[in-house]
Amino acid sequence: MAGMIKRMIDNIIEKKTKGNPTLVLTTKTKFILKGLDPDFYTASSPDDPAIIAKLKTIASEMGITL
């Protein structure tokens, strides 16, 4: 199922920022610092189990439940 990574990224950003544009940029920067560019992934990006595991770890570090 393609696009799972994009949905996970969007879900984390939505839960973490609650729509605050400043926090969206800060959260995206945190993703980049952890090795994931959120703008790189689209709804048609293939699902990579390693990236999904990394996103679960990042979400856990941010206190987000997926």
PDB file of N, CA and C in Angstrom:
ATOM      1  N   MET A   1       0.848  -1.175   0.000  1.00  0.00           N
ATOM      2  CA  MET A   1       0.000   0.000   0.000  1.00  0.00           C
ATOM      3  C   MET A   1       0.897   1.243   0.000  1.00  0.00           C
ATOM      4  N   ALA A   2       0.953   1.911  -1.094  1.00  0.00           N
ATOM      5  CA  ALA A   2       1.795   3.105  -1.218  1.00  0.00           C
ATOM      6  C   ALA A   2       1.195   4.274  -0.450  1.00  0.00           C
ATOM      7  N   GLY A   3       2.055   5.148   0.032  1.00  0.00           N
ATOM      8  CA  GLY A   3       1.599   6.357   0.699  1.00  0.00           C
ATOM      9  C   GLY A   3       1.504   6.280   2.209  1.00  0.00           C
ATOM     10  N   MET A   4       1.802   5.135   2.783  1.00  0.00           N
ATOM     11  CA  MET A   4       1.699   4.992   4.232  1.00  0.00           C
ATOM     12  C   MET A   4       2.680   5.927   4.949  1.00  0.00           C
ATOM     13  N   ILE A   5       3.866   6.087   4.400  1.00  0.00           N
ATOM     14  CA  ILE A   5       4.874   6.961   5.016  1.00  0.00           C
ATOM     15  C   ILE A   5       4.370   8.397   5.042  1.00  0.00           C
ATOM     16  N   LYS A   6       3.804   8.862   3.937  1.00  0.00           N
ATOM     17  CA  LYS A   6       3.275  10.229   3.864  1.00  0.00           C
ATOM     18  C   LYS A   6       2.163  10.429   4.884  1.00  0.00           C
ATOM     19  N   ARG A   7       1.267   9.455   4.999  1.00  0.00           N
ATOM     20  CA  ARG A   7       0.168   9.559   5.970  1.00  0.00           C
ATOM     21  C   ARG A   7       0.704   9.594   7.395  1.00  0.00           C
ATOM     22  N   MET A   8       1.726   8.790   7.675  1.00  0.00           N
ATOM     23  CA  MET A   8       2.312   8.772   9.019  1.00  0.00           C
ATOM     24  C   MET A   8       2.964  10.124   9.334  1.00  0.00           C
ATOM     25  N   ILE A   9       3.707  10.671   8.381  1.00  0.00           N
ATOM     26  CA  ILE A   9       4.352  11.970   8.585  1.00  0.00           C
ATOM     27  C   ILE A   9       3.297  13.038   8.837  1.00  0.00           C
ATOM     28  N   ASP A  10       2.262  13.064   8.007  1.00  0.00           N
ATOM     29  CA  ASP A  10       1.199  14.061   8.166  1.00  0.00           C
ATOM     30  C   ASP A  10       0.493  13.909   9.506  1.00  0.00           C
ATOM     31  N   ASN A  11       0.290  12.667   9.925  1.00  0.00           N
ATOM     32  CA  ASN A  11      -0.370  12.390  11.200  1.00  0.00           C
ATOM     33  C   ASN A  11       0.477  12.897  12.375  1.00  0.00           C
ATOM     34  N   ILE A  12       1.760  12.630  12.334  1.00  0.00           N
ATOM     35  CA  ILE A  12       2.666  13.093  13.400  1.00  0.00           C
ATOM     36  C   ILE A  12       2.673  14.615  13.445  1.00  0.00           C
ATOM     37  N   ILE A  13       2.807  15.248  12.285  1.00  0.00           N
ATOM     38  CA  ILE A  13       2.847  16.715  12.241  1.00  0.00           C
ATOM     39  C   ILE A  13       1.534  17.304  12.759  1.00  0.00           C
ATOM     40  N   GLU A  14       0.414  16.727  12.353  1.00  0.00           N
ATOM     41  CA  GLU A  14      -0.887  17.229  12.786  1.00  0.00           C
ATOM     42  C   GLU A  14      -1.058  17.115  14.302  1.00  0.00           C
ATOM     43  N   LYS A  15      -0.709  15.960  14.851  1.00  0.00           N
ATOM     44  CA  LYS A  15      -0.861  15.759  16.294  1.00  0.00           C
ATOM     45  C   LYS A  15       0.109  16.625  17.096  1.00  0.00           C
ATOM     46  N   LYS A  16       1.314  16.805  16.600  1.00  0.00           N
ATOM     47  CA  LYS A  16       2.333  17.564  17.325  1.00  0.00           C
ATOM     48  C   LYS A  16       2.063  19.066  17.277  1.00  0.00           C
ATOM     49  N   THR A  17       1.603  19.584  16.136  1.00  0.00           N
ATOM     50  CA  THR A  17       1.502  21.028  15.952  1.00  0.00           C
ATOM     51  C   THR A  17       0.114  21.600  16.187  1.00  0.00           C
ATOM     52  N   LYS A  18      -0.910  20.766  16.070  1.00  0.00           N
ATOM     53  CA  LYS A  18      -2.297  21.213  16.211  1.00  0.00           C
ATOM     54  C   LYS A  18      -2.589  22.421  15.319  1.00  0.00           C
ATOM     55  N   GLY A  19      -1.972  22.440  14.118  1.00  0.00           N
ATOM     56  CA  GLY A  19      -2.254  23.468  13.125  1.00  0.00           C
ATOM     57  C   GLY A  19      -1.429  24.736  13.222  1.00  0.00           C
ATOM     58  N   ASN A  20      -0.560  24.848  14.192  1.00  0.00           N
ATOM     59  CA  ASN A  20       0.268  26.048  14.348  1.00  0.00           C
ATOM     60  C   ASN A  20       1.358  26.043  13.264  1.00  0.00           C
ATOM     61  N   PRO A  21       1.325  27.043  12.337  1.00  0.00           N
ATOM     62  CA  PRO A  21       2.286  27.042  11.222  1.00  0.00           C
ATOM     63  C   PRO A  21       3.751  27.103  11.659  1.00  0.00           C
ATOM     64  N   THR A  22       4.028  27.799  12.739  1.00  0.00           N
ATOM     65  CA  THR A  22       5.407  27.883  13.219  1.00  0.00           C
ATOM     66  C   THR A  22       5.880  26.517  13.698  1.00  0.00           C
ATOM     67  N   LEU A  23       5.023  25.819  14.407  1.00  0.00           N
ATOM     68  CA  LEU A  23       5.391  24.492  14.895  1.00  0.00           C
ATOM     69  C   LEU A  23       5.507  23.484  13.759  1.00  0.00           C
ATOM     70  N   VAL A  24       4.750  23.685  12.682  1.00  0.00           N
ATOM     71  CA  VAL A  24       4.860  22.794  11.520  1.00  0.00           C
ATOM     72  C   VAL A  24       6.280  22.865  10.964  1.00  0.00           C
ATOM     73  N   LEU A  25       6.788  24.070  10.792  1.00  0.00           N
ATOM     74  CA  LEU A  25       8.151  24.233  10.269  1.00  0.00           C
ATOM     75  C   LEU A  25       9.190  23.643  11.218  1.00  0.00           C
ATOM     76  N   THR A  26       8.996  23.856  12.502  1.00  0.00           N
ATOM     77  CA  THR A  26       9.923  23.322  13.493  1.00  0.00           C
ATOM     78  C   THR A  26       9.904  21.792  13.490  1.00  0.00           C
ATOM     79  N   THR A  27       8.723  21.220  13.396  1.00  0.00           N
ATOM     80  CA  THR A  27       8.594  19.767  13.397  1.00  0.00           C
ATOM     81  C   THR A  27       9.210  19.170  12.132  1.00  0.00           C
ATOM     82  N   LYS A  28       8.997  19.817  10.989  1.00  0.00           N
ATOM     83  CA  LYS A  28       9.615  19.335   9.755  1.00  0.00           C
ATOM     84  C   LYS A  28      11.137  19.397   9.855  1.00  0.00           C
ATOM     85  N   THR A  29      11.640  20.428  10.510  1.00  0.00           N
ATOM     86  CA  THR A  29      13.085  20.542  10.711  1.00  0.00           C
ATOM     87  C   THR A  29      13.597  19.401  11.577  1.00  0.00           C
ATOM     88  N   LYS A  30      12.835  19.021  12.592  1.00  0.00           N
ATOM     89  CA  LYS A  30      13.226  17.891  13.444  1.00  0.00           C
ATOM     90  C   LYS A  30      13.301  16.603  12.638  1.00  0.00           C
ATOM     91  N   PHE A  31      12.344  16.414  11.723  1.00  0.00           N
ATOM     92  CA  PHE A  31      12.383  15.238  10.846  1.00  0.00           C
ATOM     93  C   PHE A  31      13.665  15.241  10.024  1.00  0.00           C
ATOM     94  N   ILE A  32      14.006  16.396   9.460  1.00  0.00           N
ATOM     95  CA  ILE A  32      15.200  16.497   8.619  1.00  0.00           C
ATOM     96  C   ILE A  32      16.450  16.195   9.442  1.00  0.00           C
ATOM     97  N   LEU A  33      16.514  16.711  10.663  1.00  0.00           N
ATOM     98  CA  LEU A  33      17.670  16.457  11.515  1.00  0.00           C
ATOM     99  C   LEU A  33      17.797  14.978  11.884  1.00  0.00           C
ATOM    100  N   LYS A  34      16.683  14.269  11.866  1.00  0.00           N
ATOM    101  CA  LYS A  34      16.702  12.840  12.169  1.00  0.00           C
ATOM    102  C   LYS A  34      16.867  11.988  10.907  1.00  0.00           C
ATOM    103  N   GLY A  35      17.075  12.653   9.765  1.00  0.00           N
ATOM    104  CA  GLY A  35      17.375  11.925   8.543  1.00  0.00           C
ATOM    105  C   GLY A  35      16.209  11.664   7.613  1.00  0.00           C
ATOM    106  N   LEU A  36      15.058  12.292   7.854  1.00  0.00           N
ATOM    107  CA  LEU A  36      13.886  12.115   6.988  1.00  0.00           C
ATOM    108  C   LEU A  36      13.409  13.475   6.492  1.00  0.00           C
ATOM    109  N   ASP A  37      13.338  13.639   5.174  1.00  0.00           N
ATOM    110  CA  ASP A  37      12.803  14.867   4.605  1.00  0.00           C
ATOM    111  C   ASP A  37      11.312  14.653   4.347  1.00  0.00           C
ATOM    112  N   PRO A  38      10.436  15.291   5.120  1.00  0.00           N
ATOM    113  CA  PRO A  38       8.997  15.052   4.955  1.00  0.00           C
ATOM    114  C   PRO A  38       8.460  15.475   3.591  1.00  0.00           C
ATOM    115  N   ASP A  39       9.124  16.413   2.933  1.00  0.00           N
ATOM    116  CA  ASP A  39       8.665  16.865   1.618  1.00  0.00           C
ATOM    117  C   ASP A  39       9.069  15.908   0.499  1.00  0.00           C
ATOM    118  N   PHE A  40       9.925  14.959   0.792  1.00  0.00           N
ATOM    119  CA  PHE A  40      10.379  13.979  -0.190  1.00  0.00           C
ATOM    120  C   PHE A  40       9.311  12.923  -0.460  1.00  0.00           C
ATOM    121  N   TYR A  41       8.494  12.618   0.523  1.00  0.00           N
ATOM    122  CA  TYR A  41       7.512  11.540   0.429  1.00  0.00           C
ATOM    123  C   TYR A  41       6.161  12.069  -0.035  1.00  0.00           C
ATOM    124  N   THR A  42       5.537  11.309  -0.955  1.00  0.00           N
ATOM    125  CA  THR A  42       4.232  11.671  -1.490  1.00  0.00           C
ATOM    126  C   THR A  42       3.268  10.504  -1.274  1.00  0.00           C
ATOM    127  N   ALA A  43       2.035  10.707  -1.700  1.00  0.00           N
ATOM    128  CA  ALA A  43       1.036   9.653  -1.561  1.00  0.00           C
ATOM    129  C   ALA A  43       1.356   8.445  -2.426  1.00  0.00           C
ATOM    130  N   SER A  44       2.225   8.616  -3.423  1.00  0.00           N
ATOM    131  CA  SER A  44       2.573   7.492  -4.288  1.00  0.00           C
ATOM    132  C   SER A  44       3.942   6.894  -3.967  1.00  0.00           C
ATOM    133  N   SER A  45       4.575   7.368  -2.896  1.00  0.00           N
ATOM    134  CA  SER A  45       5.882   6.821  -2.497  1.00  0.00           C
ATOM    135  C   SER A  45       5.716   5.395  -1.988  1.00  0.00           C
ATOM    136  N   PRO A  46       6.628   4.499  -2.391  1.00  0.00           N
ATOM    137  CA  PRO A  46       6.530   3.119  -1.903  1.00  0.00           C
ATOM    138  C   PRO A  46       6.821   3.045  -0.401  1.00  0.00           C
ATOM    139  N   ASP A  47       6.181   2.093   0.232  1.00  0.00           N
ATOM    140  CA  ASP A  47       6.360   1.924   1.673  1.00  0.00           C
ATOM    141  C   ASP A  47       7.625   1.129   1.959  1.00  0.00           C
ATOM    142  N   ASP A  48       8.524   1.726   2.714  1.00  0.00           N
ATOM    143  CA  ASP A  48       9.791   1.105   3.086  1.00  0.00           C
ATOM    144  C   ASP A  48       9.715   0.762   4.574  1.00  0.00           C
ATOM    145  N   PRO A  49       9.804  -0.516   4.932  1.00  0.00           N
ATOM    146  CA  PRO A  49       9.687  -0.901   6.341  1.00  0.00           C
ATOM    147  C   PRO A  49      10.706  -0.202   7.248  1.00  0.00           C
ATOM    148  N   ALA A  50      11.895   0.091   6.746  1.00  0.00           N
ATOM    149  CA  ALA A  50      12.914   0.766   7.558  1.00  0.00           C
ATOM    150  C   ALA A  50      12.485   2.204   7.878  1.00  0.00           C
ATOM    151  N   ILE A  51      11.889   2.887   6.916  1.00  0.00           N
ATOM    152  CA  ILE A  51      11.426   4.258   7.125  1.00  0.00           C
ATOM    153  C   ILE A  51      10.225   4.260   8.065  1.00  0.00           C
ATOM    154  N   ILE A  52       9.339   3.301   7.907  1.00  0.00           N
ATOM    155  CA  ILE A  52       8.174   3.206   8.786  1.00  0.00           C
ATOM    156  C   ILE A  52       8.626   2.973  10.228  1.00  0.00           C
ATOM    157  N   ALA A  53       9.611   2.114  10.432  1.00  0.00           N
ATOM    158  CA  ALA A  53      10.134   1.869  11.780  1.00  0.00           C
ATOM    159  C   ALA A  53      10.767   3.137  12.345  1.00  0.00           C
ATOM    160  N   LYS A  54      11.488   3.871  11.502  1.00  0.00           N
ATOM    161  CA  LYS A  54      12.112   5.114  11.935  1.00  0.00           C
ATOM    162  C   LYS A  54      11.050   6.141  12.337  1.00  0.00           C
ATOM    163  N   LEU A  55       9.955   6.210  11.563  1.00  0.00           N
ATOM    164  CA  LEU A  55       8.864   7.131  11.897  1.00  0.00           C
ATOM    165  C   LEU A  55       8.203   6.768  13.222  1.00  0.00           C
ATOM    166  N   LYS A  56       8.055   5.477  13.471  1.00  0.00           N
ATOM    167  CA  LYS A  56       7.472   5.041  14.746  1.00  0.00           C
ATOM    168  C   LYS A  56       8.378   5.452  15.907  1.00  0.00           C
ATOM    169  N   THR A  57       9.677   5.358  15.715  1.00  0.00           N
ATOM    170  CA  THR A  57      10.626   5.777  16.741  1.00  0.00           C
ATOM    171  C   THR A  57      10.556   7.283  16.966  1.00  0.00           C
ATOM    172  N   ILE A  58      10.516   8.044  15.887  1.00  0.00           N
ATOM    173  CA  ILE A  58      10.426   9.504  15.996  1.00  0.00           C
ATOM    174  C   ILE A  58       9.139   9.902  16.698  1.00  0.00           C
ATOM    175  N   ALA A  59       8.030   9.278  16.328  1.00  0.00           N
ATOM    176  CA  ALA A  59       6.742   9.585  16.963  1.00  0.00           C
ATOM    177  C   ALA A  59       6.813   9.284  18.454  1.00  0.00           C
ATOM    178  N   SER A  60       7.416   8.175  18.815  1.00  0.00           N
ATOM    179  CA  SER A  60       7.543   7.810  20.220  1.00  0.00           C
ATOM    180  C   SER A  60       8.374   8.834  20.981  1.00  0.00           C
ATOM    181  N   GLU A  61       9.465   9.293  20.350  1.00  0.00           N
ATOM    182  CA  GLU A  61      10.316  10.313  20.993  1.00  0.00           C
ATOM    183  C   GLU A  61       9.581  11.623  21.190  1.00  0.00           C
ATOM    184  N   MET A  62       8.628  11.932  20.289  1.00  0.00           N
ATOM    185  CA  MET A  62       7.863  13.165  20.383  1.00  0.00           C
ATOM    186  C   MET A  62       6.628  13.011  21.272  1.00  0.00           C
ATOM    187  N   GLY A  63       6.399  11.799  21.760  1.00  0.00           N
ATOM    188  CA  GLY A  63       5.249  11.558  22.625  1.00  0.00           C
ATOM    189  C   GLY A  63       3.954  11.402  21.855  1.00  0.00           C
ATOM    190  N   ILE A  64       4.055  10.983  20.588  1.00  0.00           N
ATOM    191  CA  ILE A  64       2.892  10.815  19.714  1.00  0.00           C
ATOM    192  C   ILE A  64       2.594   9.333  19.581  1.00  0.00           C
ATOM    193  N   THR A  65       1.316   8.966  19.671  1.00  0.00           N
ATOM    194  CA  THR A  65       0.892   7.597  19.456  1.00  0.00           C
ATOM    195  C   THR A  65       0.301   7.479  18.067  1.00  0.00           C
ATOM    196  N   LEU A  66       0.847   6.582  17.278  1.00  0.00           N
ATOM    197  CA  LEU A  66       0.320   6.381  15.911  1.00  0.00           C
ATOM    198  C   LEU A  66      -0.712   5.284  15.893  1.00  0.00           C
TER     199      LEU A  66
END
